[in-house]
């Protein structure tokens, strides 16, 4: 069930996915990617831990930093944006070839989960009021 009262911290409600910002993935051969779901996609290879100097590409860092519910058009007006947080960046890339376009099926499923959580919470509150 989704915690409708406390939930994740504010920044997690806005960005959701930490790929490329909060965490990175490192392959056994040392390649660095924004997350494990990007491994093998050379377009998203950021560096290698065996490089003499590790400098993560600014374009990739900025792309992930700027991908949040206030920059994704589909998210701006969505009632569920602070529970979904814009979805998975890898899904956006894999299904839409664009990090700024959320994976619609993921959006639909998350909205349904939130609706169910609201209904459960309402039922529990009503039952508590009648006991």
Protein backbone atom coordinates (compact mmCIF):
# COMPACT_ATOMS: atom_id res chain seq x y z
CA UNK A 1 0.00 0.00 0.00
CA UNK A 2 1.19 3.54 -0.69
CA UNK A 3 1.74 5.74 2.36
CA UNK A 4 -0.63 8.56 1.47
CA UNK A 5 0.26 10.63 4.54
CA UNK A 6 4.04 10.46 4.86
CA UNK A 7 5.34 8.93 1.66
CA UNK A 8 8.78 9.61 0.25
CA UNK A 9 10.70 12.81 0.87
CA UNK A 10 9.89 15.82 -1.30
CA UNK A 11 12.78 15.37 -3.73
CA UNK A 12 11.79 11.73 -4.33
CA UNK A 13 8.24 12.87 -5.09
CA UNK A 14 9.58 15.18 -7.79
CA UNK A 15 12.29 13.04 -9.38
CA UNK A 16 11.45 9.46 -8.42
CA UNK A 17 14.18 7.72 -10.36
CA UNK A 18 17.69 8.26 -9.04
CA UNK A 19 19.45 7.03 -12.19
CA UNK A 20 22.46 9.12 -13.09
CA UNK A 21 22.14 11.29 -9.97
CA UNK A 22 21.78 9.29 -6.79
CA UNK A 23 23.33 6.11 -8.07
CA UNK A 24 25.27 4.60 -10.94
CA UNK A 25 25.88 1.03 -12.08
CA UNK A 26 29.30 -0.44 -12.70
CA UNK A 27 29.72 -3.51 -14.89
CA UNK A 28 32.30 -6.23 -14.15
CA UNK A 29 34.59 -4.69 -16.81
CA UNK A 30 34.31 -1.26 -15.14
CA UNK A 31 31.87 0.53 -17.43
CA UNK A 32 29.72 3.11 -15.63
CA UNK A 33 26.05 3.56 -16.54
CA UNK A 34 23.26 5.68 -15.01
CA UNK A 35 21.54 2.51 -13.74
CA UNK A 36 21.56 -1.25 -14.29
CA UNK A 37 18.80 -1.00 -16.90
CA UNK A 38 21.07 1.04 -19.18
CA UNK A 39 23.95 -1.47 -19.08
CA UNK A 40 24.96 -2.40 -22.62
CA UNK A 41 23.43 0.70 -24.18
CA UNK A 42 26.60 2.44 -25.36
CA UNK A 43 24.75 5.74 -25.77
CA UNK A 44 24.46 5.84 -21.96
CA UNK A 45 27.93 4.60 -21.04
CA UNK A 46 29.30 7.38 -18.85
CA UNK A 47 32.89 6.30 -18.22
CA UNK A 48 35.00 3.38 -17.04
CA UNK A 49 36.48 3.01 -13.57
CA UNK A 50 39.80 2.05 -15.15
CA UNK A 51 40.04 5.34 -17.07
CA UNK A 52 42.96 7.46 -15.92
CA UNK A 53 40.56 10.27 -15.09
CA UNK A 54 36.84 9.70 -14.61
CA UNK A 55 34.78 12.58 -15.93
CA UNK A 56 31.08 11.87 -16.28
CA UNK A 57 29.61 13.46 -19.42
CA UNK A 58 27.82 16.73 -18.61
CA UNK A 59 25.14 16.11 -21.24
CA UNK A 60 24.11 12.84 -19.57
CA UNK A 61 24.32 14.25 -16.05
CA UNK A 62 22.15 17.20 -17.08
CA UNK A 63 19.66 15.02 -18.93
CA UNK A 64 19.03 12.91 -15.83
CA UNK A 65 19.11 15.88 -13.46
CA UNK A 66 16.47 17.71 -15.51
CA UNK A 67 14.11 14.72 -15.90
CA UNK A 68 11.37 15.27 -13.30
CA UNK A 69 7.64 15.91 -12.99
CA UNK A 70 8.00 19.64 -13.67
CA UNK A 71 9.79 19.12 -16.99
CA UNK A 72 7.82 16.15 -18.34
CA UNK A 73 4.76 17.48 -20.19
CA UNK A 74 2.65 14.40 -19.46
CA UNK A 75 3.41 14.73 -15.74
CA UNK A 76 2.74 18.44 -15.30
CA UNK A 77 -1.05 18.05 -15.20
CA UNK A 78 -1.24 14.50 -13.82
CA UNK A 79 -3.03 14.20 -10.47
CA UNK A 80 -0.72 11.34 -9.49
CA UNK A 81 2.62 12.98 -10.27
CA UNK A 82 3.84 13.13 -6.67
CA UNK A 83 3.19 9.42 -6.11
CA UNK A 84 4.57 8.23 -9.46
CA UNK A 85 7.35 10.84 -9.60
CA UNK A 86 7.68 10.67 -13.37
CA UNK A 87 8.42 6.96 -13.60
CA UNK A 88 11.47 5.00 -14.61
CA UNK A 89 13.93 6.80 -16.89
CA UNK A 90 15.01 3.54 -18.52
CA UNK A 91 11.41 2.72 -19.42
CA UNK A 92 11.01 6.19 -20.93
CA UNK A 93 14.09 5.62 -23.09
CA UNK A 94 13.29 2.00 -23.98
CA UNK A 95 9.66 2.58 -24.94
CA UNK A 96 9.66 6.20 -26.14
CA UNK A 97 13.32 6.92 -26.99
CA UNK A 98 12.92 10.07 -24.89
CA UNK A 99 13.61 10.48 -21.18
CA UNK A 100 11.06 13.29 -21.00
CA UNK A 101 8.17 11.06 -22.15
CA UNK A 102 7.04 8.64 -19.44
CA UNK A 103 6.13 5.06 -20.25
CA UNK A 104 2.32 5.30 -20.48
CA UNK A 105 1.54 1.77 -19.29
CA UNK A 106 3.68 2.43 -16.21
CA UNK A 107 1.70 5.63 -15.63
CA UNK A 108 -1.62 3.83 -15.93
CA UNK A 109 -0.54 1.10 -13.51
CA UNK A 110 0.76 3.62 -10.97
CA UNK A 111 -2.47 5.67 -11.15
CA UNK A 112 -4.48 2.48 -10.54
CA UNK A 113 -2.27 1.54 -7.55
CA UNK A 114 -2.78 4.99 -6.08
CA UNK A 115 -6.55 4.82 -6.64
CA UNK A 116 -6.65 1.45 -4.85
CA UNK A 117 -4.58 2.84 -1.97
CA UNK A 118 -6.97 5.78 -1.62
CA UNK A 119 -9.96 3.42 -1.57
CA UNK A 120 -8.34 1.16 1.03
CA UNK A 121 -7.44 4.16 3.19
CA UNK A 122 -10.99 5.53 2.91
CA UNK A 123 -12.46 2.13 3.85
CA UNK A 124 -10.15 1.81 6.86
CA UNK A 125 -11.05 5.32 8.01
CA UNK A 126 -14.79 4.62 7.65
CA UNK A 127 -14.49 1.34 9.53
CA UNK A 128 -12.56 3.11 12.28
CA UNK A 129 -15.26 5.78 12.52
CA UNK A 130 -18.01 3.17 12.93
CA UNK A 131 -16.25 1.09 15.61
